Amino acid sequence: MAIENLAAVAGRQVEASFYGTSGGEIDLVLGRPDGTKWAVEIKPSLAPKLERGFHSALEDLQPERSFVVYPGHERYKMGASTEAISLSELCEELE
């Protein structure tokens, strides 16, 4: 549901895809019209944790921004380049 909502809000000009290798995966990669990529991981926990595979996939993709969508309401950093964010707030950023 979260992926479908984000892809719909992003619009047709944004290419939505999944990224996965034996080293890691990212639930949603948004290829934006300006050539940049946003990486989005979906976590159902109020205390999301990132796996090694997520970091490995970020190294492969080199996205402009990366997010972890979780059911909480606070936005906070989860490392140097990744933010935890609610689904509704990320939808607002994509509009």
C-alpha atoms as a PDB file:
ATOM      1  CA  MET A   1       0.000   0.000   0.000  1.00  0.00           C
ATOM      2  CA  ALA A   2       2.766   2.482   0.911  1.00  0.00           C
ATOM      3  CA  ILE A   3       4.630   1.865  -2.347  1.00  0.00           C
ATOM      4  CA  GLU A   4       1.461   2.288  -4.410  1.00  0.00           C
ATOM      5  CA  ASN A   5       0.640   5.565  -2.639  1.00  0.00           C
ATOM      6  CA  LEU A   6       4.138   6.961  -3.121  1.00  0.00           C
ATOM      7  CA  ALA A   7       4.264   5.974  -6.792  1.00  0.00           C
ATOM      8  CA  ALA A   8       0.840   7.534  -7.409  1.00  0.00           C
ATOM      9  CA  VAL A   9       1.750  10.798  -5.696  1.00  0.00           C
ATOM     10  CA  ALA A  10       5.093  10.989  -7.509  1.00  0.00           C
ATOM     11  CA  GLY A  11       3.268  10.975 -10.820  1.00  0.00           C
ATOM     12  CA  ARG A  12       3.999   9.643 -14.274  1.00  0.00           C
ATOM     13  CA  GLN A  13       7.146  11.700 -14.731  1.00  0.00           C
ATOM     14  CA  VAL A  14       8.859   9.674 -11.965  1.00  0.00           C
ATOM     15  CA  GLU A  15       9.991   6.103 -12.668  1.00  0.00           C
ATOM     16  CA  ALA A  16       9.232   3.791  -9.729  1.00  0.00           C
ATOM     17  CA  SER A  17      11.208   0.546  -9.399  1.00  0.00           C
ATOM     18  CA  PHE A  18      12.555  -2.031  -6.955  1.00  0.00           C
ATOM     19  CA  TYR A  19      16.285  -2.570  -6.512  1.00  0.00           C
ATOM     20  CA  GLY A  20      17.655  -5.892  -5.383  1.00  0.00           C
ATOM     21  CA  THR A  21      20.919  -7.801  -5.630  1.00  0.00           C
ATOM     22  CA  SER A  22      22.477 -10.589  -3.614  1.00  0.00           C
ATOM     23  CA  GLY A  23      24.053  -7.827  -1.501  1.00  0.00           C
ATOM     24  CA  GLY A  24      20.904  -5.938  -0.599  1.00  0.00           C
ATOM     25  CA  GLU A  25      17.636  -4.407  -1.644  1.00  0.00           C
ATOM     26  CA  ILE A  26      15.602  -1.231  -1.558  1.00  0.00           C
ATOM     27  CA  ASP A  27      11.811  -1.390  -1.627  1.00  0.00           C
ATOM     28  CA  LEU A  28      11.291   1.613  -3.887  1.00  0.00           C
ATOM     29  CA  VAL A  29      13.620   3.657  -6.071  1.00  0.00           C
ATOM     30  CA  LEU A  30      12.169   6.814  -7.554  1.00  0.00           C
ATOM     31  CA  GLY A  31      13.951   7.997 -10.696  1.00  0.00           C
ATOM     32  CA  ARG A  32      13.168  11.684 -10.928  1.00  0.00           C
ATOM     33  CA  PRO A  33      12.989  13.739 -14.149  1.00  0.00           C
ATOM     34  CA  ASP A  34      16.166  15.655 -13.223  1.00  0.00           C
ATOM     35  CA  GLY A  35      18.113  12.362 -13.228  1.00  0.00           C
ATOM     36  CA  THR A  36      18.383  12.024  -9.455  1.00  0.00           C
ATOM     37  CA  LYS A  37      17.164   9.024  -7.477  1.00  0.00           C
ATOM     38  CA  TRP A  38      15.406   8.739  -4.149  1.00  0.00           C
ATOM     39  CA  ALA A  39      15.620   5.453  -2.254  1.00  0.00           C
ATOM     40  CA  VAL A  40      12.728   4.429   0.005  1.00  0.00           C
ATOM     41  CA  GLU A  41      12.614   1.526   2.452  1.00  0.00           C
ATOM     42  CA  ILE A  42       9.295   0.600   4.080  1.00  0.00           C
ATOM     43  CA  LYS A  43       9.345  -0.614   7.701  1.00  0.00           C
ATOM     44  CA  PRO A  44       6.253  -1.503   9.779  1.00  0.00           C
ATOM     45  CA  SER A  45       8.001  -0.909  13.121  1.00  0.00           C
ATOM     46  CA  LEU A  46       7.855   2.240  15.264  1.00  0.00           C
ATOM     47  CA  ALA A  47      11.570   1.664  15.894  1.00  0.00           C
ATOM     48  CA  PRO A  48      12.867   0.838  12.391  1.00  0.00           C
ATOM     49  CA  LYS A  49      16.332  -0.637  11.958  1.00  0.00           C
ATOM     50  CA  LEU A  50      18.331  -0.727   8.771  1.00  0.00           C
ATOM     51  CA  GLU A  51      20.001  -3.919   7.629  1.00  0.00           C
ATOM     52  CA  ARG A  52      23.465  -4.169   6.087  1.00  0.00           C
ATOM     53  CA  GLY A  53      21.836  -4.923   2.732  1.00  0.00           C
ATOM     54  CA  PHE A  54      20.123  -1.535   2.690  1.00  0.00           C
ATOM     55  CA  HIS A  55      23.455   0.238   3.146  1.00  0.00           C
ATOM     56  CA  SER A  56      25.028  -1.924   0.453  1.00  0.00           C
ATOM     57  CA  ALA A  57      22.222  -1.063  -1.968  1.00  0.00           C
ATOM     58  CA  LEU A  58      22.652   2.657  -1.180  1.00  0.00           C
ATOM     59  CA  GLU A  59      26.327   2.371  -2.092  1.00  0.00           C
ATOM     60  CA  ASP A  60      25.350   0.791  -5.419  1.00  0.00           C
ATOM     61  CA  LEU A  61      22.651   3.329  -6.292  1.00  0.00           C
ATOM     62  CA  GLN A  62      24.120   6.539  -4.839  1.00  0.00           C
ATOM     63  CA  PRO A  63      20.677   8.182  -4.446  1.00  0.00           C
ATOM     64  CA  GLU A  64      20.297  11.905  -3.885  1.00  0.00           C
ATOM     65  CA  ARG A  65      18.085  11.195  -0.857  1.00  0.00           C
ATOM     66  CA  SER A  66      17.081   8.107   1.109  1.00  0.00           C
ATOM     67  CA  PHE A  67      14.160   7.523   3.436  1.00  0.00           C
ATOM     68  CA  VAL A  68      12.684   4.929   5.748  1.00  0.00           C
ATOM     69  CA  VAL A  69       8.904   5.161   5.808  1.00  0.00           C
ATOM     70  CA  TYR A  70       7.545   3.986   9.151  1.00  0.00           C
ATOM     71  CA  PRO A  71       4.230   4.325  11.043  1.00  0.00           C
ATOM     72  CA  GLY A  72       5.509   6.994  13.440  1.00  0.00           C
ATOM     73  CA  HIS A  73       5.032  10.747  13.183  1.00  0.00           C
ATOM     74  CA  GLU A  74       8.481  12.112  14.030  1.00  0.00           C
ATOM     75  CA  ARG A  75      11.036  12.779  11.337  1.00  0.00           C
ATOM     76  CA  TYR A  76      14.624  12.014  12.283  1.00  0.00           C
ATOM     77  CA  LYS A  77      18.037  11.076  10.894  1.00  0.00           C
ATOM     78  CA  MET A  78      18.982   7.401  10.756  1.00  0.00           C
ATOM     79  CA  GLY A  79      22.558   7.958   9.687  1.00  0.00           C
ATOM     80  CA  ALA A  80      24.453  10.318   7.475  1.00  0.00           C
ATOM     81  CA  SER A  81      22.098  10.166   4.503  1.00  0.00           C
ATOM     82  CA  THR A  82      18.865   8.478   5.564  1.00  0.00           C
ATOM     83  CA  GLU A  83      15.801   9.939   7.287  1.00  0.00           C
ATOM     84  CA  ALA A  84      12.914   8.187   9.005  1.00  0.00           C
ATOM     85  CA  ILE A  85       9.670   9.759   7.841  1.00  0.00           C
ATOM     86  CA  SER A  86       5.924   9.083   7.889  1.00  0.00           C
ATOM     87  CA  LEU A  87       4.147   8.047   4.720  1.00  0.00           C
ATOM     88  CA  SER A  88       2.036  11.212   4.684  1.00  0.00           C
ATOM     89  CA  GLU A  89       5.051  13.499   5.062  1.00  0.00           C
ATOM     90  CA  LEU A  90       6.974  11.793   2.258  1.00  0.00           C
ATOM     91  CA  CYS A  91       3.879  12.045   0.044  1.00  0.00           C
ATOM     92  CA  GLU A  92       3.853  15.797   0.719  1.00  0.00           C
ATOM     93  CA  GLU A  93       7.520  16.054  -0.321  1.00  0.00           C
ATOM     94  CA  LEU A  94       6.804  14.212  -3.550  1.00  0.00           C
ATOM     95  CA  GLU A  95       3.957  16.520  -4.539  1.00  0.00           C
END
